[in-house]
Amino acid sequence: MNFFNENQRGAADWDHRTQIVKVNRTEALDASREAVRHQRLILPRQSPIVAEFARHMAADAKTLDEDPDTGAQKYRYIRTGPDHFSLAFTYAWMAARRYMEAIEPRLIWI
């Protein structure tokens, strides 16, 4: 089970005892988009399901929010449409990174 914690920074907190993962949503979505941009995954040929995956990935739009009182700025993602594949891919990417870091901890996985 995953919980997003907007105040958390850095690596995801994997609690195997409770089977809960806590992570900053913006950082997790950034990492999964980075994987797509840098072609760290192989997608099948264009098909209706791949097109739907692309629509879901594009449905999470990154925006810059500014606190009107303090002027503090913070990026966050807003949902503009169905994003089920986007979140599923983000969770899968988090798990894949965790697995690869366990196998080869000297490498840095984006």
N, C-alpha and C. Protein backbone atom coordinates (compact mmCIF):
# COMPACT_ATOMS: atom_id res chain seq x y z
N MET A 1 0.84 -1.15 0.00
CA MET A 1 0.00 0.00 0.00
C MET A 1 0.90 1.24 0.00
N ASN A 2 0.49 2.26 -0.73
CA ASN A 2 1.27 3.48 -0.84
C ASN A 2 0.50 4.67 -0.27
N PHE A 3 1.24 5.52 0.43
CA PHE A 3 0.68 6.79 0.91
C PHE A 3 1.59 7.90 0.44
N PHE A 4 1.00 8.95 -0.11
CA PHE A 4 1.78 10.11 -0.51
C PHE A 4 1.89 11.06 0.66
N ASN A 5 3.11 11.56 0.89
CA ASN A 5 3.37 12.51 1.96
C ASN A 5 4.09 13.70 1.34
N GLU A 6 3.38 14.79 1.15
CA GLU A 6 3.95 15.96 0.48
C GLU A 6 5.05 16.64 1.28
N ASN A 7 5.17 16.34 2.57
CA ASN A 7 6.22 16.93 3.38
C ASN A 7 7.50 16.10 3.38
N GLN A 8 7.45 14.88 2.86
CA GLN A 8 8.61 14.00 2.83
C GLN A 8 9.51 14.38 1.67
N ARG A 9 10.79 14.28 1.86
CA ARG A 9 11.76 14.56 0.81
C ARG A 9 12.71 13.38 0.70
N GLY A 10 13.15 13.12 -0.53
CA GLY A 10 14.14 12.07 -0.74
C GLY A 10 13.53 10.71 -0.97
N ALA A 11 14.26 9.70 -0.59
CA ALA A 11 13.88 8.31 -0.88
C ALA A 11 12.56 7.93 -0.22
N ALA A 12 11.89 7.00 -0.87
CA ALA A 12 10.65 6.45 -0.31
C ALA A 12 10.95 5.71 0.98
N ASP A 13 9.99 5.71 1.88
CA ASP A 13 10.10 5.00 3.16
C ASP A 13 9.36 3.67 3.01
N TRP A 14 10.11 2.59 2.92
CA TRP A 14 9.54 1.24 2.74
C TRP A 14 9.47 0.57 4.10
N ASP A 15 8.28 0.33 4.61
CA ASP A 15 8.10 -0.35 5.89
C ASP A 15 7.57 -1.76 5.61
N HIS A 16 8.47 -2.73 5.62
CA HIS A 16 8.08 -4.10 5.28
C HIS A 16 7.18 -4.72 6.35
N ARG A 17 7.31 -4.27 7.57
CA ARG A 17 6.47 -4.82 8.64
C ARG A 17 5.00 -4.49 8.40
N THR A 18 4.70 -3.24 8.08
CA THR A 18 3.30 -2.83 7.85
C THR A 18 2.89 -2.93 6.39
N GLN A 19 3.87 -3.21 5.51
CA GLN A 19 3.65 -3.28 4.06
C GLN A 19 3.12 -1.96 3.51
N ILE A 20 3.71 -0.87 4.01
CA ILE A 20 3.32 0.47 3.58
C ILE A 20 4.55 1.19 3.03
N VAL A 21 4.34 1.90 1.94
CA VAL A 21 5.38 2.75 1.36
C VAL A 21 4.88 4.18 1.43
N LYS A 22 5.75 5.07 1.91
CA LYS A 22 5.42 6.50 1.96
C LYS A 22 6.44 7.23 1.08
N VAL A 23 5.93 8.14 0.26
CA VAL A 23 6.79 8.86 -0.67
C VAL A 23 6.15 10.20 -1.00
N ASN A 24 6.98 11.15 -1.38
CA ASN A 24 6.49 12.43 -1.85
C ASN A 24 5.91 12.22 -3.26
N ARG A 25 4.67 12.60 -3.46
CA ARG A 25 3.97 12.35 -4.73
C ARG A 25 4.67 13.04 -5.90
N THR A 26 5.04 14.30 -5.71
CA THR A 26 5.69 15.04 -6.80
C THR A 26 7.02 14.39 -7.17
N GLU A 27 7.81 14.01 -6.18
CA GLU A 27 9.09 13.38 -6.46
C GLU A 27 8.92 12.03 -7.14
N ALA A 28 7.92 11.25 -6.73
CA ALA A 28 7.68 9.94 -7.33
C ALA A 28 7.24 10.10 -8.79
N LEU A 29 6.32 11.03 -9.05
CA LEU A 29 5.88 11.26 -10.43
C LEU A 29 7.01 11.82 -11.27
N ASP A 30 7.83 12.70 -10.70
CA ASP A 30 9.00 13.21 -11.44
C ASP A 30 9.91 12.06 -11.86
N ALA A 31 10.17 11.12 -10.95
CA ALA A 31 11.07 10.00 -11.25
C ALA A 31 10.51 9.11 -12.35
N SER A 32 9.20 8.85 -12.32
CA SER A 32 8.63 7.98 -13.35
C SER A 32 8.64 8.68 -14.71
N ARG A 33 8.41 9.99 -14.74
CA ARG A 33 8.47 10.74 -16.00
C ARG A 33 9.89 10.80 -16.53
N GLU A 34 10.85 10.93 -15.62
CA GLU A 34 12.26 10.93 -16.00
C GLU A 34 12.62 9.61 -16.70
N ALA A 35 12.10 8.52 -16.18
CA ALA A 35 12.36 7.20 -16.79
C ALA A 35 11.83 7.15 -18.21
N VAL A 36 10.66 7.71 -18.45
CA VAL A 36 10.08 7.72 -19.79
C VAL A 36 10.90 8.63 -20.71
N ARG A 37 11.21 9.84 -20.23
CA ARG A 37 11.97 10.80 -21.05
C ARG A 37 13.33 10.25 -21.46
N HIS A 38 13.97 9.52 -20.56
CA HIS A 38 15.31 9.00 -20.85
C HIS A 38 15.28 7.56 -21.38
N GLN A 39 14.10 7.13 -21.80
CA GLN A 39 13.90 5.83 -22.45
C GLN A 39 14.49 4.68 -21.63
N ARG A 40 14.17 4.67 -20.34
CA ARG A 40 14.63 3.61 -19.45
C ARG A 40 13.66 2.44 -19.41
N LEU A 41 12.66 2.48 -20.28
CA LEU A 41 11.73 1.37 -20.39
C LEU A 41 11.42 1.16 -21.86
N ILE A 42 10.96 -0.02 -22.17
CA ILE A 42 10.61 -0.35 -23.55
C ILE A 42 9.11 -0.56 -23.61
N LEU A 43 8.47 0.23 -24.45
CA LEU A 43 7.03 0.09 -24.65
C LEU A 43 6.78 -0.72 -25.92
N PRO A 44 5.68 -1.46 -25.95
CA PRO A 44 5.35 -2.19 -27.18
C PRO A 44 5.01 -1.22 -28.29
N ARG A 45 4.85 -1.76 -29.49
CA ARG A 45 4.48 -0.93 -30.63
C ARG A 45 3.19 -0.18 -30.35
N GLN A 46 2.99 0.88 -31.10
CA GLN A 46 1.78 1.67 -30.95
C GLN A 46 0.55 0.79 -31.08
N SER A 47 -0.33 0.93 -30.13
CA SER A 47 -1.58 0.18 -30.10
C SER A 47 -2.57 0.99 -29.27
N PRO A 48 -3.83 0.61 -29.27
CA PRO A 48 -4.79 1.37 -28.47
C PRO A 48 -4.43 1.43 -26.98
N ILE A 49 -3.90 0.36 -26.42
CA ILE A 49 -3.57 0.37 -24.99
C ILE A 49 -2.34 1.24 -24.71
N VAL A 50 -1.38 1.26 -25.63
CA VAL A 50 -0.21 2.13 -25.47
C VAL A 50 -0.63 3.60 -25.60
N ALA A 51 -1.55 3.88 -26.50
CA ALA A 51 -2.07 5.24 -26.63
C ALA A 51 -2.81 5.66 -25.36
N GLU A 52 -3.55 4.73 -24.76
CA GLU A 52 -4.23 5.05 -23.50
C GLU A 52 -3.22 5.29 -22.37
N PHE A 53 -2.16 4.47 -22.33
CA PHE A 53 -1.08 4.68 -21.36
C PHE A 53 -0.52 6.09 -21.51
N ALA A 54 -0.26 6.52 -22.74
CA ALA A 54 0.29 7.86 -22.99
C ALA A 54 -0.69 8.94 -22.52
N ARG A 55 -1.97 8.77 -22.77
CA ARG A 55 -2.97 9.75 -22.32
C ARG A 55 -2.98 9.84 -20.80
N HIS A 56 -2.91 8.70 -20.13
CA HIS A 56 -2.91 8.68 -18.67
C HIS A 56 -1.65 9.35 -18.12
N MET A 57 -0.50 9.10 -18.75
CA MET A 57 0.74 9.73 -18.31
C MET A 57 0.67 11.24 -18.47
N ALA A 58 0.05 11.69 -19.55
CA ALA A 58 -0.07 13.12 -19.81
C ALA A 58 -1.16 13.78 -18.96
N ALA A 59 -2.01 12.99 -18.33
CA ALA A 59 -3.12 13.54 -17.54
C ALA A 59 -2.65 14.14 -16.22
N ASP A 60 -1.46 13.81 -15.78
CA ASP A 60 -0.91 14.42 -14.56
C ASP A 60 -0.02 15.58 -14.99
N ALA A 61 -0.53 16.80 -14.83
CA ALA A 61 0.18 18.00 -15.27
C ALA A 61 0.88 18.65 -14.09
N LYS A 62 2.14 19.02 -14.27
CA LYS A 62 2.92 19.65 -13.21
C LYS A 62 2.66 21.16 -13.23
N THR A 63 2.33 21.69 -12.06
CA THR A 63 2.06 23.12 -11.93
C THR A 63 2.88 23.70 -10.79
N LEU A 64 3.08 24.99 -10.83
CA LEU A 64 3.80 25.69 -9.77
C LEU A 64 2.79 26.47 -8.95
N ASP A 65 2.70 26.13 -7.67
CA ASP A 65 1.81 26.84 -6.75
C ASP A 65 2.61 27.84 -5.94
N GLU A 66 1.99 28.97 -5.68
CA GLU A 66 2.63 29.98 -4.83
C GLU A 66 1.69 30.32 -3.69
N ASP A 67 2.23 30.26 -2.47
CA ASP A 67 1.46 30.63 -1.30
C ASP A 67 1.25 32.15 -1.32
N PRO A 68 -0.01 32.61 -1.33
CA PRO A 68 -0.25 34.06 -1.43
C PRO A 68 0.26 34.85 -0.23
N ASP A 69 0.37 34.21 0.91
CA ASP A 69 0.82 34.91 2.11
C ASP A 69 2.34 35.01 2.20
N THR A 70 3.02 33.90 1.88
CA THR A 70 4.47 33.86 2.06
C THR A 70 5.26 34.00 0.75
N GLY A 71 4.59 33.74 -0.36
CA GLY A 71 5.28 33.76 -1.65
C GLY A 71 6.07 32.49 -1.92
N ALA A 72 6.01 31.53 -0.98
CA ALA A 72 6.73 30.26 -1.17
C ALA A 72 6.16 29.53 -2.37
N GLN A 73 7.04 28.99 -3.18
CA GLN A 73 6.62 28.27 -4.39
C GLN A 73 6.89 26.78 -4.23
N LYS A 74 5.98 25.98 -4.78
CA LYS A 74 6.12 24.54 -4.70
C LYS A 74 5.45 23.92 -5.92
N TYR A 75 6.15 22.96 -6.54
CA TYR A 75 5.57 22.24 -7.67
C TYR A 75 4.68 21.12 -7.15
N ARG A 76 3.64 20.84 -7.92
CA ARG A 76 2.78 19.70 -7.64
C ARG A 76 2.12 19.28 -8.94
N TYR A 77 1.60 18.08 -8.94
CA TYR A 77 0.89 17.56 -10.11
C TYR A 77 -0.61 17.65 -9.86
N ILE A 78 -1.33 18.04 -10.91
CA ILE A 78 -2.78 18.03 -10.86
C ILE A 78 -3.29 17.04 -11.89
N ARG A 79 -4.39 16.42 -11.58
CA ARG A 79 -4.98 15.44 -12.50
C ARG A 79 -5.91 16.16 -13.45
N THR A 80 -5.69 15.97 -14.74
CA THR A 80 -6.54 16.60 -15.75
C THR A 80 -7.43 15.60 -16.46
N GLY A 81 -7.31 14.34 -16.11
CA GLY A 81 -8.10 13.28 -16.72
C GLY A 81 -7.76 11.97 -16.04
N PRO A 82 -8.24 10.86 -16.59
CA PRO A 82 -7.91 9.56 -16.00
C PRO A 82 -6.38 9.37 -15.95
N ASP A 83 -5.89 8.90 -14.80
CA ASP A 83 -4.44 8.73 -14.64
C ASP A 83 -4.07 7.38 -14.02
N HIS A 84 -4.92 6.40 -14.21
CA HIS A 84 -4.69 5.10 -13.56
C HIS A 84 -3.37 4.47 -13.98
N PHE A 85 -3.08 4.47 -15.29
CA PHE A 85 -1.81 3.91 -15.75
C PHE A 85 -0.63 4.74 -15.25
N SER A 86 -0.81 6.04 -15.14
CA SER A 86 0.25 6.91 -14.65
C SER A 86 0.66 6.51 -13.24
N LEU A 87 -0.31 6.35 -12.36
CA LEU A 87 0.01 5.97 -10.98
C LEU A 87 0.52 4.53 -10.92
N ALA A 88 -0.08 3.63 -11.69
CA ALA A 88 0.38 2.24 -11.70
C ALA A 88 1.84 2.16 -12.16
N PHE A 89 2.17 2.91 -13.21
CA PHE A 89 3.55 2.92 -13.69
C PHE A 89 4.49 3.52 -12.64
N THR A 90 4.05 4.58 -11.97
CA THR A 90 4.87 5.21 -10.94
C THR A 90 5.17 4.22 -9.82
N TYR A 91 4.16 3.48 -9.38
CA TYR A 91 4.37 2.47 -8.34
C TYR A 91 5.33 1.37 -8.83
N ALA A 92 5.12 0.94 -10.07
CA ALA A 92 5.99 -0.11 -10.63
C ALA A 92 7.43 0.39 -10.76
N TRP A 93 7.59 1.66 -11.17
CA TRP A 93 8.94 2.20 -11.29
C TRP A 93 9.62 2.30 -9.93
N MET A 94 8.86 2.70 -8.92
CA MET A 94 9.42 2.75 -7.56
C MET A 94 9.89 1.37 -7.13
N ALA A 95 9.08 0.35 -7.38
CA ALA A 95 9.44 -1.01 -6.98
C ALA A 95 10.64 -1.52 -7.77
N ALA A 96 10.70 -1.20 -9.07
CA ALA A 96 11.82 -1.64 -9.90
C ALA A 96 13.12 -0.99 -9.42
N ARG A 97 13.07 0.29 -9.10
CA ARG A 97 14.25 0.98 -8.58
C ARG A 97 14.70 0.35 -7.27
N ARG A 98 13.75 0.07 -6.41
CA ARG A 98 14.07 -0.54 -5.11
C ARG A 98 14.76 -1.89 -5.32
N TYR A 99 14.23 -2.68 -6.22
CA TYR A 99 14.80 -4.00 -6.53
C TYR A 99 16.21 -3.86 -7.09
N MET A 100 16.38 -2.95 -8.06
CA MET A 100 17.68 -2.80 -8.69
C MET A 100 18.71 -2.25 -7.71
N GLU A 101 18.31 -1.36 -6.82
CA GLU A 101 19.23 -0.85 -5.81
C GLU A 101 19.67 -1.95 -4.85
N ALA A 102 18.79 -2.91 -4.58
CA ALA A 102 19.16 -4.04 -3.71
C ALA A 102 20.16 -4.95 -4.42
N ILE A 103 20.00 -5.11 -5.73
CA ILE A 103 20.89 -5.99 -6.49
C ILE A 103 22.25 -5.33 -6.71
N GLU A 104 22.23 -4.06 -7.10
CA GLU A 104 23.46 -3.34 -7.42
C GLU A 104 23.45 -1.97 -6.76
N PRO A 105 23.75 -1.93 -5.47
CA PRO A 105 23.64 -0.67 -4.71
C PRO A 105 24.61 0.42 -5.15
N ARG A 106 25.67 0.07 -5.86
CA ARG A 106 26.63 1.08 -6.28
C ARG A 106 26.11 1.94 -7.42
N LEU A 107 25.13 1.45 -8.15
CA LEU A 107 24.59 2.21 -9.27
C LEU A 107 23.53 3.18 -8.79
N ILE A 108 23.40 4.28 -9.47
CA ILE A 108 22.36 5.26 -9.15
C ILE A 108 21.26 5.10 -10.19
N TRP A 109 20.08 4.78 -9.71
CA TRP A 109 18.94 4.56 -10.60
C TRP A 109 18.06 5.78 -10.60
N ILE A 110 17.80 6.30 -11.77
CA ILE A 110 16.94 7.49 -11.91
C ILE A 110 15.50 7.07 -11.94
